[in-house]
Amino acid sequence: MTEEIERRKNPRREVKWPVTVLTENGTIEGETRDLAVDGISIFCVEPLRMNQVLRMGVMPPEHQMIEFTGKVIWSDLYGIGDDDSAYGMGVCFVEISDEDLHALQRLFR
């Protein structure tokens, strides 16, 4: 019998917060699905390229925006309906200020 190995080092929390991704062509709006202190999963209608490093921000309820630079480490296409689709992406934090990291850690308590 084989044991399933947990890929993630840190616990994740399911959240649905607005996320803004800054690209060279403008902004992409999306939503988080879960987050940890080392990264987030996001869904949006425009795909992001694998290994792309972008400036992003998430907006927790009743909290100021948490900004960071993130790197896309996985991407999948999820169908939502007959004519609508959303892209799911995993993003790891590359750079985040101490203040924003502490704010994120407080949201896990």
PDB file of N, CA and C in Angstrom:
ATOM      1  N   MET A   1       0.856  -1.182   0.000  1.00  0.00           N
ATOM      2  CA  MET A   1       0.000   0.000   0.000  1.00  0.00           C
ATOM      3  C   MET A   1       0.899   1.241   0.000  1.00  0.00           C
ATOM      4  N   THR A   2       0.636   2.151  -0.916  1.00  0.00           N
ATOM      5  CA  THR A   2       1.435   3.372  -0.995  1.00  0.00           C
ATOM      6  C   THR A   2       0.699   4.508  -0.313  1.00  0.00           C
ATOM      7  N   GLU A   3       1.477   5.360   0.315  1.00  0.00           N
ATOM      8  CA  GLU A   3       0.895   6.526   0.977  1.00  0.00           C
ATOM      9  C   GLU A   3       0.948   7.721   0.044  1.00  0.00           C
ATOM     10  N   GLU A   4      -0.096   8.514   0.074  1.00  0.00           N
ATOM     11  CA  GLU A   4      -0.105   9.740  -0.716  1.00  0.00           C
ATOM     12  C   GLU A   4       0.779  10.770  -0.031  1.00  0.00           C
ATOM     13  N   ILE A   5       1.666  11.376  -0.784  1.00  0.00           N
ATOM     14  CA  ILE A   5       2.575  12.374  -0.245  1.00  0.00           C
ATOM     15  C   ILE A   5       1.992  13.759  -0.483  1.00  0.00           C
ATOM     16  N   GLU A   6       1.935  14.563   0.559  1.00  0.00           N
ATOM     17  CA  GLU A   6       1.434  15.936   0.456  1.00  0.00           C
ATOM     18  C   GLU A   6       2.453  16.798  -0.264  1.00  0.00           C
ATOM     19  N   ARG A   7       2.040  17.432  -1.372  1.00  0.00           N
ATOM     20  CA  ARG A   7       2.928  18.277  -2.159  1.00  0.00           C
ATOM     21  C   ARG A   7       3.188  19.614  -1.491  1.00  0.00           C
ATOM     22  N   ARG A   8       2.234  20.103  -0.782  1.00  0.00           N
ATOM     23  CA  ARG A   8       2.351  21.450  -0.224  1.00  0.00           C
ATOM     24  C   ARG A   8       3.035  21.427   1.127  1.00  0.00           C
ATOM     25  N   LYS A   9       3.902  22.422   1.317  1.00  0.00           N
ATOM     26  CA  LYS A   9       4.619  22.539   2.585  1.00  0.00           C
ATOM     27  C   LYS A   9       3.772  23.258   3.628  1.00  0.00           C
ATOM     28  N   ASN A  10       2.924  24.183   3.172  1.00  0.00           N
ATOM     29  CA  ASN A  10       2.155  25.022   4.090  1.00  0.00           C
ATOM     30  C   ASN A  10       0.663  24.762   3.927  1.00  0.00           C
ATOM     31  N   PRO A  11      -0.091  24.894   5.017  1.00  0.00           N
ATOM     32  CA  PRO A  11      -1.546  24.714   4.920  1.00  0.00           C
ATOM     33  C   PRO A  11      -2.173  25.781   4.034  1.00  0.00           C
ATOM     34  N   ARG A  12      -3.258  25.413   3.404  1.00  0.00           N
ATOM     35  CA  ARG A  12      -3.992  26.329   2.534  1.00  0.00           C
ATOM     36  C   ARG A  12      -5.335  26.653   3.159  1.00  0.00           C
ATOM     37  N   ARG A  13      -5.824  27.820   2.791  1.00  0.00           N
ATOM     38  CA  ARG A  13      -7.134  28.278   3.271  1.00  0.00           C
ATOM     39  C   ARG A  13      -7.975  28.639   2.057  1.00  0.00           C
ATOM     40  N   GLU A  14      -9.188  28.099   1.991  1.00  0.00           N
ATOM     41  CA  GLU A  14     -10.078  28.437   0.884  1.00  0.00           C
ATOM     42  C   GLU A  14     -10.601  29.851   1.077  1.00  0.00           C
ATOM     43  N   VAL A  15     -10.414  30.675   0.053  1.00  0.00           N
ATOM     44  CA  VAL A  15     -10.903  32.051   0.075  1.00  0.00           C
ATOM     45  C   VAL A  15     -11.341  32.436  -1.334  1.00  0.00           C
ATOM     46  N   LYS A  16     -12.244  33.369  -1.423  1.00  0.00           N
ATOM     47  CA  LYS A  16     -12.671  33.920  -2.712  1.00  0.00           C
ATOM     48  C   LYS A  16     -12.553  35.428  -2.622  1.00  0.00           C
ATOM     49  N   TRP A  17     -11.350  35.904  -2.885  1.00  0.00           N
ATOM     50  CA  TRP A  17     -11.059  37.331  -2.830  1.00  0.00           C
ATOM     51  C   TRP A  17     -10.701  37.818  -4.218  1.00  0.00           C
ATOM     52  N   PRO A  18     -11.038  39.069  -4.527  1.00  0.00           N
ATOM     53  CA  PRO A  18     -10.623  39.642  -5.811  1.00  0.00           C
ATOM     54  C   PRO A  18      -9.099  39.690  -5.917  1.00  0.00           C
ATOM     55  N   VAL A  19      -8.592  39.423  -7.113  1.00  0.00           N
ATOM     56  CA  VAL A  19      -7.155  39.519  -7.375  1.00  0.00           C
ATOM     57  C   VAL A  19      -6.967  40.333  -8.647  1.00  0.00           C
ATOM     58  N   THR A  20      -5.960  41.184  -8.649  1.00  0.00           N
ATOM     59  CA  THR A  20      -5.605  41.984  -9.817  1.00  0.00           C
ATOM     60  C   THR A  20      -4.193  41.607 -10.228  1.00  0.00           C
ATOM     61  N   VAL A  21      -4.026  41.301 -11.519  1.00  0.00           N
ATOM     62  CA  VAL A  21      -2.724  40.938 -12.062  1.00  0.00           C
ATOM     63  C   VAL A  21      -2.302  42.036 -13.034  1.00  0.00           C
ATOM     64  N   LEU A  22      -1.124  42.585 -12.832  1.00  0.00           N
ATOM     65  CA  LEU A  22      -0.606  43.621 -13.730  1.00  0.00           C
ATOM     66  C   LEU A  22       0.253  42.958 -14.799  1.00  0.00           C
ATOM     67  N   THR A  23      -0.119  43.165 -16.069  1.00  0.00           N
ATOM     68  CA  THR A  23       0.650  42.610 -17.184  1.00  0.00           C
ATOM     69  C   THR A  23       1.139  43.757 -18.055  1.00  0.00           C
ATOM     70  N   GLU A  24       1.969  43.432 -19.028  1.00  0.00           N
ATOM     71  CA  GLU A  24       2.460  44.462 -19.946  1.00  0.00           C
ATOM     72  C   GLU A  24       1.335  45.011 -20.820  1.00  0.00           C
ATOM     73  N   ASN A  25       0.216  44.278 -20.911  1.00  0.00           N
ATOM     74  CA  ASN A  25      -0.921  44.711 -21.719  1.00  0.00           C
ATOM     75  C   ASN A  25      -2.057  45.305 -20.895  1.00  0.00           C
ATOM     76  N   GLY A  26      -1.842  45.520 -19.606  1.00  0.00           N
ATOM     77  CA  GLY A  26      -2.885  46.064 -18.751  1.00  0.00           C
ATOM     78  C   GLY A  26      -3.129  45.165 -17.559  1.00  0.00           C
ATOM     79  N   THR A  27      -4.323  45.244 -16.992  1.00  0.00           N
ATOM     80  CA  THR A  27      -4.649  44.450 -15.815  1.00  0.00           C
ATOM     81  C   THR A  27      -5.600  43.313 -16.174  1.00  0.00           C
ATOM     82  N   ILE A  28      -5.497  42.254 -15.410  1.00  0.00           N
ATOM     83  CA  ILE A  28      -6.407  41.113 -15.509  1.00  0.00           C
ATOM     84  C   ILE A  28      -7.040  40.955 -14.139  1.00  0.00           C
ATOM     85  N   GLU A  29      -8.356  40.899 -14.101  1.00  0.00           N
ATOM     86  CA  GLU A  29      -9.076  40.719 -12.841  1.00  0.00           C
ATOM     87  C   GLU A  29      -9.451  39.251 -12.697  1.00  0.00           C
ATOM     88  N   GLY A  30      -9.366  38.756 -11.479  1.00  0.00           N
ATOM     89  CA  GLY A  30      -9.716  37.369 -11.212  1.00  0.00           C
ATOM     90  C   GLY A  30     -10.139  37.200  -9.769  1.00  0.00           C
ATOM     91  N   GLU A  31     -10.071  35.954  -9.312  1.00  0.00           N
ATOM     92  CA  GLU A  31     -10.479  35.632  -7.951  1.00  0.00           C
ATOM     93  C   GLU A  31      -9.569  34.548  -7.399  1.00  0.00           C
ATOM     94  N   THR A  32      -9.217  34.669  -6.126  1.00  0.00           N
ATOM     95  CA  THR A  32      -8.447  33.617  -5.479  1.00  0.00           C
ATOM     96  C   THR A  32      -9.382  32.453  -5.176  1.00  0.00           C
ATOM     97  N   ARG A  33      -8.827  31.267  -5.111  1.00  0.00           N
ATOM     98  CA  ARG A  33      -9.591  30.091  -4.686  1.00  0.00           C
ATOM     99  C   ARG A  33      -9.043  29.562  -3.368  1.00  0.00           C
ATOM    100  N   ASP A  34      -7.740  29.628  -3.224  1.00  0.00           N
ATOM    101  CA  ASP A  34      -7.135  29.294  -1.938  1.00  0.00           C
ATOM    102  C   ASP A  34      -5.790  29.992  -1.861  1.00  0.00           C
ATOM    103  N   LEU A  35      -5.292  30.105  -0.637  1.00  0.00           N
ATOM    104  CA  LEU A  35      -3.996  30.732  -0.464  1.00  0.00           C
ATOM    105  C   LEU A  35      -3.270  30.128   0.714  1.00  0.00           C
ATOM    106  N   ALA A  36      -1.974  30.319   0.709  1.00  0.00           N
ATOM    107  CA  ALA A  36      -1.085  29.910   1.791  1.00  0.00           C
ATOM    108  C   ALA A  36      -0.092  31.045   1.977  1.00  0.00           C
ATOM    109  N   VAL A  37       0.787  30.906   2.935  1.00  0.00           N
ATOM    110  CA  VAL A  37       1.759  31.969   3.159  1.00  0.00           C
ATOM    111  C   VAL A  37       2.851  31.968   2.084  1.00  0.00           C
ATOM    112  N   ASP A  38       2.848  30.967   1.193  1.00  0.00           N
ATOM    113  CA  ASP A  38       3.866  30.924   0.136  1.00  0.00           C
ATOM    114  C   ASP A  38       3.297  31.028  -1.270  1.00  0.00           C
ATOM    115  N   GLY A  39       1.954  31.128  -1.412  1.00  0.00           N
ATOM    116  CA  GLY A  39       1.380  31.244  -2.747  1.00  0.00           C
ATOM    117  C   GLY A  39      -0.139  31.220  -2.741  1.00  0.00           C
ATOM    118  N   ILE A  40      -0.714  31.362  -3.954  1.00  0.00           N
ATOM    119  CA  ILE A  40      -2.168  31.385  -4.103  1.00  0.00           C
ATOM    120  C   ILE A  40      -2.581  30.619  -5.356  1.00  0.00           C
ATOM    121  N   SER A  41      -3.837  30.213  -5.383  1.00  0.00           N
ATOM    122  CA  SER A  41      -4.466  29.700  -6.588  1.00  0.00           C
ATOM    123  C   SER A  41      -5.449  30.765  -7.044  1.00  0.00           C
ATOM    124  N   ILE A  42      -5.407  31.094  -8.330  1.00  0.00           N
ATOM    125  CA  ILE A  42      -6.309  32.112  -8.845  1.00  0.00           C
ATOM    126  C   ILE A  42      -7.051  31.589 -10.073  1.00  0.00           C
ATOM    127  N   PHE A  43      -8.215  32.158 -10.330  1.00  0.00           N
ATOM    128  CA  PHE A  43      -9.004  31.876 -11.521  1.00  0.00           C
ATOM    129  C   PHE A  43      -9.283  33.191 -12.216  1.00  0.00           C
ATOM    130  N   CYS A  44      -9.081  33.232 -13.521  1.00  0.00           N
ATOM    131  CA  CYS A  44      -9.425  34.406 -14.320  1.00  0.00           C
ATOM    132  C   CYS A  44      -9.691  33.961 -15.753  1.00  0.00           C
ATOM    133  N   VAL A  45     -10.301  34.832 -16.556  1.00  0.00           N
ATOM    134  CA  VAL A  45     -10.699  34.455 -17.917  1.00  0.00           C
ATOM    135  C   VAL A  45      -9.555  34.537 -18.917  1.00  0.00           C
ATOM    136  N   GLU A  46      -8.443  35.141 -18.532  1.00  0.00           N
ATOM    137  CA  GLU A  46      -7.276  35.203 -19.412  1.00  0.00           C
ATOM    138  C   GLU A  46      -6.156  34.366 -18.824  1.00  0.00           C
ATOM    139  N   PRO A  47      -5.521  33.526 -19.632  1.00  0.00           N
ATOM    140  CA  PRO A  47      -4.454  32.685 -19.089  1.00  0.00           C
ATOM    141  C   PRO A  47      -3.169  33.472 -18.869  1.00  0.00           C
ATOM    142  N   LEU A  48      -2.393  33.012 -17.908  1.00  0.00           N
ATOM    143  CA  LEU A  48      -1.058  33.551 -17.670  1.00  0.00           C
ATOM    144  C   LEU A  48      -0.064  32.473 -18.088  1.00  0.00           C
ATOM    145  N   ARG A  49       1.064  32.877 -18.627  1.00  0.00           N
ATOM    146  CA  ARG A  49       2.057  31.913 -19.104  1.00  0.00           C
ATOM    147  C   ARG A  49       2.797  31.261 -17.944  1.00  0.00           C
ATOM    148  N   MET A  50       3.125  29.996 -18.112  1.00  0.00           N
ATOM    149  CA  MET A  50       3.938  29.283 -17.135  1.00  0.00           C
ATOM    150  C   MET A  50       5.254  30.015 -16.926  1.00  0.00           C
ATOM    151  N   ASN A  51       5.701  30.071 -15.691  1.00  0.00           N
ATOM    152  CA  ASN A  51       6.953  30.708 -15.278  1.00  0.00           C
ATOM    153  C   ASN A  51       6.960  32.222 -15.448  1.00  0.00           C
ATOM    154  N   GLN A  52       5.827  32.796 -15.822  1.00  0.00           N
ATOM    155  CA  GLN A  52       5.722  34.249 -15.941  1.00  0.00           C
ATOM    156  C   GLN A  52       5.743  34.852 -14.536  1.00  0.00           C
ATOM    157  N   VAL A  53       6.521  35.918 -14.358  1.00  0.00           N
ATOM    158  CA  VAL A  53       6.606  36.619 -13.079  1.00  0.00           C
ATOM    159  C   VAL A  53       5.876  37.954 -13.243  1.00  0.00           C
ATOM    160  N   LEU A  54       4.868  38.167 -12.382  1.00  0.00           N
ATOM    161  CA  LEU A  54       3.999  39.336 -12.509  1.00  0.00           C
ATOM    162  C   LEU A  54       3.740  39.969 -11.154  1.00  0.00           C
ATOM    163  N   ARG A  55       3.399  41.235 -11.185  1.00  0.00           N
ATOM    164  CA  ARG A  55       2.973  41.967  -9.994  1.00  0.00           C
ATOM    165  C   ARG A  55       1.483  41.702  -9.810  1.00  0.00           C
ATOM    166  N   MET A  56       1.071  41.394  -8.572  1.00  0.00           N
ATOM    167  CA  MET A  56      -0.325  41.061  -8.284  1.00  0.00           C
ATOM    168  C   MET A  56      -0.743  41.666  -6.955  1.00  0.00           C
ATOM    169  N   GLY A  57      -2.048  41.683  -6.735  1.00  0.00           N
ATOM    170  CA  GLY A  57      -2.591  42.118  -5.457  1.00  0.00           C
ATOM    171  C   GLY A  57      -3.886  41.388  -5.167  1.00  0.00           C
ATOM    172  N   VAL A  58      -4.083  40.993  -3.917  1.00  0.00           N
ATOM    173  CA  VAL A  58      -5.342  40.388  -3.487  1.00  0.00           C
ATOM    174  C   VAL A  58      -5.996  41.320  -2.485  1.00  0.00           C
ATOM    175  N   MET A  59      -7.319  41.289  -2.475  1.00  0.00           N
ATOM    176  CA  MET A  59      -8.078  42.201  -1.629  1.00  0.00           C
ATOM    177  C   MET A  59      -8.954  41.419  -0.652  1.00  0.00           C
ATOM    178  N   PRO A  60      -8.410  41.100   0.543  1.00  0.00           N
ATOM    179  CA  PRO A  60      -9.235  40.431   1.551  1.00  0.00           C
ATOM    180  C   PRO A  60     -10.345  41.364   2.030  1.00  0.00           C
ATOM    181  N   PRO A  61     -11.463  40.812   2.476  1.00  0.00           N
ATOM    182  CA  PRO A  61     -12.544  41.664   2.981  1.00  0.00           C
ATOM    183  C   PRO A  61     -12.082  42.482   4.184  1.00  0.00           C
ATOM    184  N   GLU A  62     -12.481  43.729   4.212  1.00  0.00           N
ATOM    185  CA  GLU A  62     -12.182  44.639   5.316  1.00  0.00           C
ATOM    186  C   GLU A  62     -10.688  44.710   5.617  1.00  0.00           C
ATOM    187  N   HIS A  63      -9.880  44.736   4.570  1.00  0.00           N
ATOM    188  CA  HIS A  63      -8.431  44.781   4.717  1.00  0.00           C
ATOM    189  C   HIS A  63      -7.863  45.506   3.502  1.00  0.00           C
ATOM    190  N   GLN A  64      -6.711  46.123   3.674  1.00  0.00           N
ATOM    191  CA  GLN A  64      -6.077  46.765   2.524  1.00  0.00           C
ATOM    192  C   GLN A  64      -5.504  45.694   1.592  1.00  0.00           C
ATOM    193  N   MET A  65      -5.252  46.077   0.356  1.00  0.00           N
ATOM    194  CA  MET A  65      -4.730  45.143  -0.624  1.00  0.00           C
ATOM    195  C   MET A  65      -3.365  44.608  -0.196  1.00  0.00           C
ATOM    196  N   ILE A  66      -3.163  43.319  -0.393  1.00  0.00           N
ATOM    197  CA  ILE A  66      -1.879  42.671  -0.151  1.00  0.00           C
ATOM    198  C   ILE A  66      -1.211  42.505  -1.513  1.00  0.00           C
ATOM    199  N   GLU A  67      -0.070  43.175  -1.685  1.00  0.00           N
ATOM    200  CA  GLU A  67       0.616  43.179  -2.976  1.00  0.00           C
ATOM    201  C   GLU A  67       1.850  42.296  -2.938  1.00  0.00           C
ATOM    202  N   PHE A  68       2.176  41.710  -4.091  1.00  0.00           N
ATOM    203  CA  PHE A  68       3.329  40.825  -4.179  1.00  0.00           C
ATOM    204  C   PHE A  68       3.713  40.617  -5.637  1.00  0.00           C
ATOM    205  N   THR A  69       4.891  40.086  -5.850  1.00  0.00           N
ATOM    206  CA  THR A  69       5.313  39.597  -7.155  1.00  0.00           C
ATOM    207  C   THR A  69       5.195  38.090  -7.076  1.00  0.00           C
ATOM    208  N   GLY A  70       4.560  37.486  -8.084  1.00  0.00           N
ATOM    209  CA  GLY A  70       4.350  36.044  -8.079  1.00  0.00           C
ATOM    210  C   GLY A  70       4.770  35.407  -9.390  1.00  0.00           C
ATOM    211  N   LYS A  71       5.101  34.123  -9.319  1.00  0.00           N
ATOM    212  CA  LYS A  71       5.503  33.344 -10.483  1.00  0.00           C
ATOM    213  C   LYS A  71       4.483  32.236 -10.716  1.00  0.00           C
ATOM    214  N   VAL A  72       3.987  32.134 -11.948  1.00  0.00           N
ATOM    215  CA  VAL A  72       3.016  31.099 -12.309  1.00  0.00           C
ATOM    216  C   VAL A  72       3.742  29.753 -12.339  1.00  0.00           C
ATOM    217  N   ILE A  73       3.305  28.814 -11.477  1.00  0.00           N
ATOM    218  CA  ILE A  73       3.981  27.521 -11.415  1.00  0.00           C
ATOM    219  C   ILE A  73       3.136  26.366 -11.943  1.00  0.00           C
ATOM    220  N   TRP A  74       1.833  26.575 -12.126  1.00  0.00           N
ATOM    221  CA  TRP A  74       0.997  25.602 -12.824  1.00  0.00           C
ATOM    222  C   TRP A  74      -0.213  26.317 -13.398  1.00  0.00           C
ATOM    223  N   SER A  75      -0.831  25.708 -14.410  1.00  0.00           N
ATOM    224  CA  SER A  75      -1.993  26.299 -15.057  1.00  0.00           C
ATOM    225  C   SER A  75      -2.868  25.190 -15.632  1.00  0.00           C
ATOM    226  N   ASP A  76      -4.174  25.320 -15.464  1.00  0.00           N
ATOM    227  CA  ASP A  76      -5.157  24.380 -16.005  1.00  0.00           C
ATOM    228  C   ASP A  76      -6.329  25.171 -16.561  1.00  0.00           C
ATOM    229  N   LEU A  77      -7.024  24.594 -17.516  1.00  0.00           N
ATOM    230  CA  LEU A  77      -8.233  25.199 -18.059  1.00  0.00           C
ATOM    231  C   LEU A  77      -9.433  24.480 -17.456  1.00  0.00           C
ATOM    232  N   TYR A  78     -10.327  25.235 -16.821  1.00  0.00           N
ATOM    233  CA  TYR A  78     -11.535  24.677 -16.243  1.00  0.00           C
ATOM    234  C   TYR A  78     -12.733  25.264 -16.986  1.00  0.00           C
ATOM    235  N   GLY A  79     -13.618  24.428 -17.486  1.00  0.00           N
ATOM    236  CA  GLY A  79     -14.825  24.910 -18.139  1.00  0.00           C
ATOM    237  C   GLY A  79     -15.862  25.281 -17.109  1.00  0.00           C
ATOM    238  N   ILE A  80     -16.508  26.413 -17.315  1.00  0.00           N
ATOM    239  CA  ILE A  80     -17.540  26.866 -16.388  1.00  0.00           C
ATOM    240  C   ILE A  80     -18.924  26.617 -16.983  1.00  0.00           C
ATOM    241  N   GLY A  81     -19.048  26.827 -18.269  1.00  0.00           N
ATOM    242  CA  GLY A  81     -20.333  26.642 -18.911  1.00  0.00           C
ATOM    243  C   GLY A  81     -20.128  26.369 -20.380  1.00  0.00           C
ATOM    244  N   ASP A  82     -21.212  26.418 -21.152  1.00  0.00           N
ATOM    245  CA  ASP A  82     -21.131  26.124 -22.583  1.00  0.00           C
ATOM    246  C   ASP A  82     -20.235  27.101 -23.324  1.00  0.00           C
ATOM    247  N   ASP A  83     -20.319  28.375 -23.003  1.00  0.00           N
ATOM    248  CA  ASP A  83     -19.543  29.366 -23.755  1.00  0.00           C
ATOM    249  C   ASP A  83     -18.600  30.187 -22.867  1.00  0.00           C
ATOM    250  N   ASP A  84     -18.428  29.786 -21.622  1.00  0.00           N
ATOM    251  CA  ASP A  84     -17.573  30.528 -20.698  1.00  0.00           C
ATOM    252  C   ASP A  84     -16.516  29.587 -20.133  1.00  0.00           C
ATOM    253  N   SER A  85     -15.325  30.102 -19.952  1.00  0.00           N
ATOM    254  CA  SER A  85     -14.295  29.294 -19.311  1.00  0.00           C
ATOM    255  C   SER A  85     -13.425  30.182 -18.452  1.00  0.00           C
ATOM    256  N   ALA A  86     -12.752  29.573 -17.512  1.00  0.00           N
ATOM    257  CA  ALA A  86     -11.832  30.311 -16.652  1.00  0.00           C
ATOM    258  C   ALA A  86     -10.541  29.512 -16.547  1.00  0.00           C
ATOM    259  N   TYR A  87      -9.456  30.193 -16.384  1.00  0.00           N
ATOM    260  CA  TYR A  87      -8.166  29.555 -16.234  1.00  0.00           C
ATOM    261  C   TYR A  87      -7.804  29.524 -14.764  1.00  0.00           C
ATOM    262  N   GLY A  88      -7.352  28.378 -14.299  1.00  0.00           N
ATOM    263  CA  GLY A  88      -6.875  28.229 -12.937  1.00  0.00           C
ATOM    264  C   GLY A  88      -5.359  28.186 -12.943  1.00  0.00           C
ATOM    265  N   MET A  89      -4.751  28.941 -12.055  1.00  0.00           N
ATOM    266  CA  MET A  89      -3.294  29.017 -12.010  1.00  0.00           C
ATOM    267  C   MET A  89      -2.798  28.998 -10.578  1.00  0.00           C
ATOM    268  N   GLY A  90      -1.675  28.357 -10.369  1.00  0.00           N
ATOM    269  CA  GLY A  90      -0.995  28.381  -9.090  1.00  0.00           C
ATOM    270  C   GLY A  90       0.157  29.364  -9.174  1.00  0.00           C
ATOM    271  N   VAL A  91       0.256  30.226  -8.193  1.00  0.00           N
ATOM    272  CA  VAL A  91       1.266  31.277  -8.188  1.00  0.00           C
ATOM    273  C   VAL A  91       2.024  31.211  -6.870  1.00  0.00           C
ATOM    274  N   CYS A  92       3.350  31.159  -6.947  1.00  0.00           N
ATOM    275  CA  CYS A  92       4.146  31.221  -5.717  1.00  0.00           C
ATOM    276  C   CYS A  92       4.664  32.643  -5.546  1.00  0.00           C
ATOM    277  N   PHE A  93       4.788  33.060  -4.303  1.00  0.00           N
ATOM    278  CA  PHE A  93       5.291  34.399  -4.023  1.00  0.00           C
ATOM    279  C   PHE A  93       6.788  34.451  -4.299  1.00  0.00           C
ATOM    280  N   VAL A  94       7.192  35.437  -5.083  1.00  0.00           N
ATOM    281  CA  VAL A  94       8.604  35.670  -5.365  1.00  0.00           C
ATOM    282  C   VAL A  94       9.111  36.801  -4.481  1.00  0.00           C
ATOM    283  N   GLU A  95       8.276  37.831  -4.351  1.00  0.00           N
ATOM    284  CA  GLU A  95       8.635  38.983  -3.517  1.00  0.00           C
ATOM    285  C   GLU A  95       7.374  39.518  -2.864  1.00  0.00           C
ATOM    286  N   ILE A  96       7.438  39.692  -1.545  1.00  0.00           N
ATOM    287  CA  ILE A  96       6.328  40.259  -0.793  1.00  0.00           C
ATOM    288  C   ILE A  96       6.935  41.020   0.373  1.00  0.00           C
ATOM    289  N   SER A  97       6.406  42.192   0.648  1.00  0.00           N
ATOM    290  CA  SER A  97       6.970  43.000   1.739  1.00  0.00           C
ATOM    291  C   SER A  97       6.723  42.304   3.072  1.00  0.00           C
ATOM    292  N   ASP A  98       7.558  42.623   4.050  1.00  0.00           N
ATOM    293  CA  ASP A  98       7.368  42.062   5.397  1.00  0.00           C
ATOM    294  C   ASP A  98       5.991  42.423   5.933  1.00  0.00           C
ATOM    295  N   GLU A  99       5.577  43.659   5.688  1.00  0.00           N
ATOM    296  CA  GLU A  99       4.266  44.118   6.173  1.00  0.00           C
ATOM    297  C   GLU A  99       3.136  43.290   5.565  1.00  0.00           C
ATOM    298  N   ASP A 100       3.174  43.068   4.235  1.00  0.00           N
ATOM    299  CA  ASP A 100       2.124  42.285   3.585  1.00  0.00           C
ATOM    300  C   ASP A 100       2.200  40.814   3.976  1.00  0.00           C
ATOM    301  N   LEU A 101       3.402  40.289   4.169  1.00  0.00           N
ATOM    302  CA  LEU A 101       3.544  38.899   4.608  1.00  0.00           C
ATOM    303  C   LEU A 101       2.958  38.723   6.009  1.00  0.00           C
ATOM    304  N   HIS A 102       3.226  39.666   6.905  1.00  0.00           N
ATOM    305  CA  HIS A 102       2.660  39.591   8.259  1.00  0.00           C
ATOM    306  C   HIS A 102       1.134  39.705   8.221  1.00  0.00           C
ATOM    307  N   ALA A 103       0.627  40.569   7.345  1.00  0.00           N
ATOM    308  CA  ALA A 103      -0.833  40.705   7.205  1.00  0.00           C
ATOM    309  C   ALA A 103      -1.442  39.388   6.727  1.00  0.00           C
ATOM    310  N   LEU A 104      -0.797  38.746   5.778  1.00  0.00           N
ATOM    311  CA  LEU A 104      -1.266  37.455   5.277  1.00  0.00           C
ATOM    312  C   LEU A 104      -1.223  36.401   6.377  1.00  0.00           C
ATOM    313  N   GLN A 105      -0.156  36.369   7.135  1.00  0.00           N
ATOM    314  CA  GLN A 105      -0.034  35.400   8.235  1.00  0.00           C
ATOM    315  C   GLN A 105      -1.114  35.619   9.283  1.00  0.00           C
ATOM    316  N   ARG A 106      -1.454  36.881   9.555  1.00  0.00           N
ATOM    317  CA  ARG A 106      -2.521  37.172  10.531  1.00  0.00           C
ATOM    318  C   ARG A 106      -3.877  36.647  10.048  1.00  0.00           C
ATOM    319  N   LEU A 107      -4.088  36.644   8.743  1.00  0.00           N
ATOM    320  CA  LEU A 107      -5.361  36.149   8.202  1.00  0.00           C
ATOM    321  C   LEU A 107      -5.515  34.647   8.386  1.00  0.00           C
ATOM    322  N   PHE A 108      -4.440  33.946   8.677  1.00  0.00           N
ATOM    323  CA  PHE A 108      -4.495  32.508   8.917  1.00  0.00           C
ATOM    324  C   PHE A 108      -4.803  32.159  10.366  1.00  0.00           C
ATOM    325  N   ARG A 109      -4.781  33.117  11.250  1.00  0.00           N
ATOM    326  CA  ARG A 109      -5.049  32.854  12.674  1.00  0.00           C
ATOM    327  C   ARG A 109      -6.509  32.767  12.962  1.00  0.00           C
TER     328      ARG A 109
END
